[in-house]
Amino acid sequence: MTDKDWKIFLVIARRILGKGFSVSWASQSWCAFTTFSSLEHCLTYWTNGLPDEVELLEDRTIDGGLWRQSFYYKDLAHIIIPAKFYWERTNSRNGFQSGYKSQDIKLLSTELNEVKIFHRITDKILEIKLY
């Protein structure tokens, strides 16, 4: 995956799956990702919605955007987009609420195939894994 491929992937995924937020209950889209740096240090997977196109630079995401810090595309090792994801929240007016949201990973896969971005899809997830 080149920097250009990662940017195209994120643009297409955001367009198809919807606006992302940092909390799952408010987000239309959701993913988990890790970096090669993280695999060498602390094995962190971040979870978040997909960033807006204005947060996608040519070689990285912006610092302070939805993903909170800048991630160089060349450091992205694995991204997972689930077909459905769980959300929950508690507030004083409505109490505890929870549920599931679906993401059209089949349509995303079709569009990624059209631009020749290699990925794997099952009935549960769409992923790009570079290790």
Protein backbone atom coordinates (compact mmCIF):
# COMPACT_ATOMS: atom_id res chain seq x y z
CA MET A 1 0.00 0.00 0.00
CA THR A 2 1.34 3.37 -1.01
CA ASP A 3 0.49 6.64 0.71
CA LYS A 4 -1.84 7.36 -2.21
CA ASP A 5 -3.57 3.97 -1.78
CA TRP A 6 -4.15 4.56 1.93
CA LYS A 7 -5.61 7.99 1.28
CA ILE A 8 -7.89 6.63 -1.45
CA PHE A 9 -8.96 3.79 0.84
CA LEU A 10 -9.85 6.17 3.67
CA VAL A 11 -11.69 8.59 1.36
CA ILE A 12 -13.78 5.79 -0.16
CA ALA A 13 -14.47 4.14 3.21
CA ARG A 14 -15.59 7.44 4.76
CA ARG A 15 -17.82 8.27 1.76
CA ILE A 16 -19.54 4.87 1.84
CA LEU A 17 -19.72 4.20 5.58
CA GLY A 18 -20.46 7.69 6.88
CA LYS A 19 -19.20 10.31 9.28
CA GLY A 20 -16.95 9.19 12.07
CA PHE A 21 -16.85 10.24 15.70
CA SER A 22 -14.61 9.22 18.57
CA VAL A 23 -17.45 7.42 20.38
CA SER A 24 -19.29 4.55 18.75
CA TRP A 25 -22.80 5.65 19.74
CA ALA A 26 -22.43 8.90 17.77
CA SER A 27 -20.52 7.45 14.82
CA GLN A 28 -21.90 6.16 11.52
CA SER A 29 -18.58 4.45 10.73
CA TRP A 30 -16.22 2.46 12.94
CA CYS A 31 -12.82 0.81 12.59
CA ALA A 32 -9.84 -0.50 14.53
CA PHE A 33 -6.27 -0.04 13.40
CA THR A 34 -2.68 -0.46 14.48
CA THR A 35 0.71 0.64 13.24
CA PHE A 36 4.03 -1.09 12.73
CA SER A 37 5.42 1.16 15.48
CA SER A 38 2.74 -0.03 17.87
CA LEU A 39 3.44 -3.67 17.04
CA GLU A 40 7.04 -3.08 18.13
CA HIS A 41 6.18 -1.25 21.34
CA CYS A 42 2.84 -1.65 23.08
CA LEU A 43 0.53 -3.56 20.69
CA THR A 44 -2.17 -0.88 20.70
CA TYR A 45 -5.22 -0.99 18.46
CA TRP A 46 -7.07 2.29 18.24
CA THR A 47 -10.85 2.34 17.65
CA ASN A 48 -12.59 5.24 16.02
CA GLY A 49 -14.87 6.41 13.29
CA LEU A 50 -13.40 7.20 9.88
CA PRO A 51 -11.85 10.66 9.49
CA ASP A 52 -13.23 13.33 7.15
CA GLU A 53 -11.38 13.88 3.88
CA VAL A 54 -10.02 17.25 5.10
CA GLU A 55 -8.13 15.32 7.81
CA LEU A 56 -6.28 13.22 5.23
CA LEU A 57 -2.99 14.70 4.07
CA GLU A 58 -0.92 13.21 1.25
CA ASP A 59 1.25 11.08 3.57
CA ARG A 60 -0.59 11.02 6.92
CA THR A 61 -3.66 11.98 8.92
CA ILE A 62 -3.70 15.39 10.57
CA ASP A 63 -2.62 15.91 14.15
CA GLY A 64 -5.54 16.76 16.44
CA GLY A 65 -8.22 15.40 14.11
CA LEU A 66 -10.68 12.60 14.75
CA TRP A 67 -7.85 10.10 15.21
CA ARG A 68 -6.38 12.59 17.75
CA GLN A 69 -2.79 12.25 16.53
CA SER A 70 -1.07 12.09 13.18
CA PHE A 71 -0.52 8.64 11.68
CA TYR A 72 1.79 8.23 8.70
CA TYR A 73 0.19 5.97 6.13
CA LYS A 74 3.46 4.05 5.69
CA ASP A 75 3.20 3.12 9.41
CA LEU A 76 -0.34 1.68 9.15
CA ALA A 77 -0.10 -2.09 9.54
CA HIS A 78 -3.68 -3.30 9.95
CA ILE A 79 -7.14 -1.78 9.68
CA ILE A 80 -10.36 -3.65 10.43
CA ILE A 81 -13.82 -2.47 9.49
CA PRO A 82 -16.57 -4.61 11.04
CA ALA A 83 -19.84 -5.38 9.24
CA LYS A 84 -21.59 -4.35 12.46
CA PHE A 85 -20.39 -2.73 15.65
CA TYR A 86 -21.78 -2.41 19.16
CA TRP A 87 -22.43 0.94 20.83
CA GLU A 88 -23.61 1.99 24.26
CA ARG A 89 -24.14 5.17 26.23
CA THR A 90 -25.62 6.38 29.48
CA ASN A 91 -27.15 9.79 30.04
CA SER A 92 -29.39 11.33 32.66
CA ARG A 93 -32.39 11.76 30.36
CA ASN A 94 -32.58 8.30 28.71
CA GLY A 95 -30.49 6.12 31.03
CA PHE A 96 -28.57 3.24 29.50
CA GLN A 97 -28.92 2.69 25.77
CA SER A 98 -27.15 0.24 23.49
CA GLY A 99 -27.41 -1.44 20.14
CA TYR A 100 -25.65 -2.33 16.92
CA LYS A 101 -24.93 -0.38 13.76
CA SER A 102 -24.27 -2.00 10.39
CA GLN A 103 -21.68 -0.99 7.80
CA ASP A 104 -21.96 -1.91 4.12
CA ILE A 105 -18.59 -3.61 3.77
CA LYS A 106 -19.75 -5.44 0.62
CA LEU A 107 -20.25 -2.14 -1.19
CA LEU A 108 -16.93 -0.90 0.21
CA SER A 109 -15.24 -4.03 -1.13
CA THR A 110 -16.76 -3.52 -4.57
CA GLU A 111 -15.48 0.05 -4.73
CA LEU A 112 -12.04 -0.95 -3.47
CA ASN A 113 -11.83 -3.64 -6.15
CA GLU A 114 -12.60 -1.01 -8.80
CA VAL A 115 -9.55 1.03 -7.75
CA LYS A 116 -7.44 -2.10 -7.21
CA ILE A 117 -6.88 -1.72 -3.48
CA PHE A 118 -6.13 -5.16 -2.08
CA HIS A 119 -8.17 -6.18 0.97
CA ARG A 120 -9.76 -9.20 2.58
CA ILE A 121 -13.47 -9.49 3.27
CA THR A 122 -15.53 -12.01 5.24
CA ASP A 123 -19.12 -11.82 6.44
CA LYS A 124 -17.79 -10.18 9.66
CA ILE A 125 -15.02 -7.78 8.56
CA LEU A 126 -13.19 -6.01 5.80
CA GLU A 127 -9.50 -5.61 6.49
CA ILE A 128 -6.18 -4.51 5.10
CA LYS A 129 -3.35 -6.33 6.83
CA LEU A 130 0.26 -5.69 5.82
CA TYR A 131 2.11 -8.18 8.01
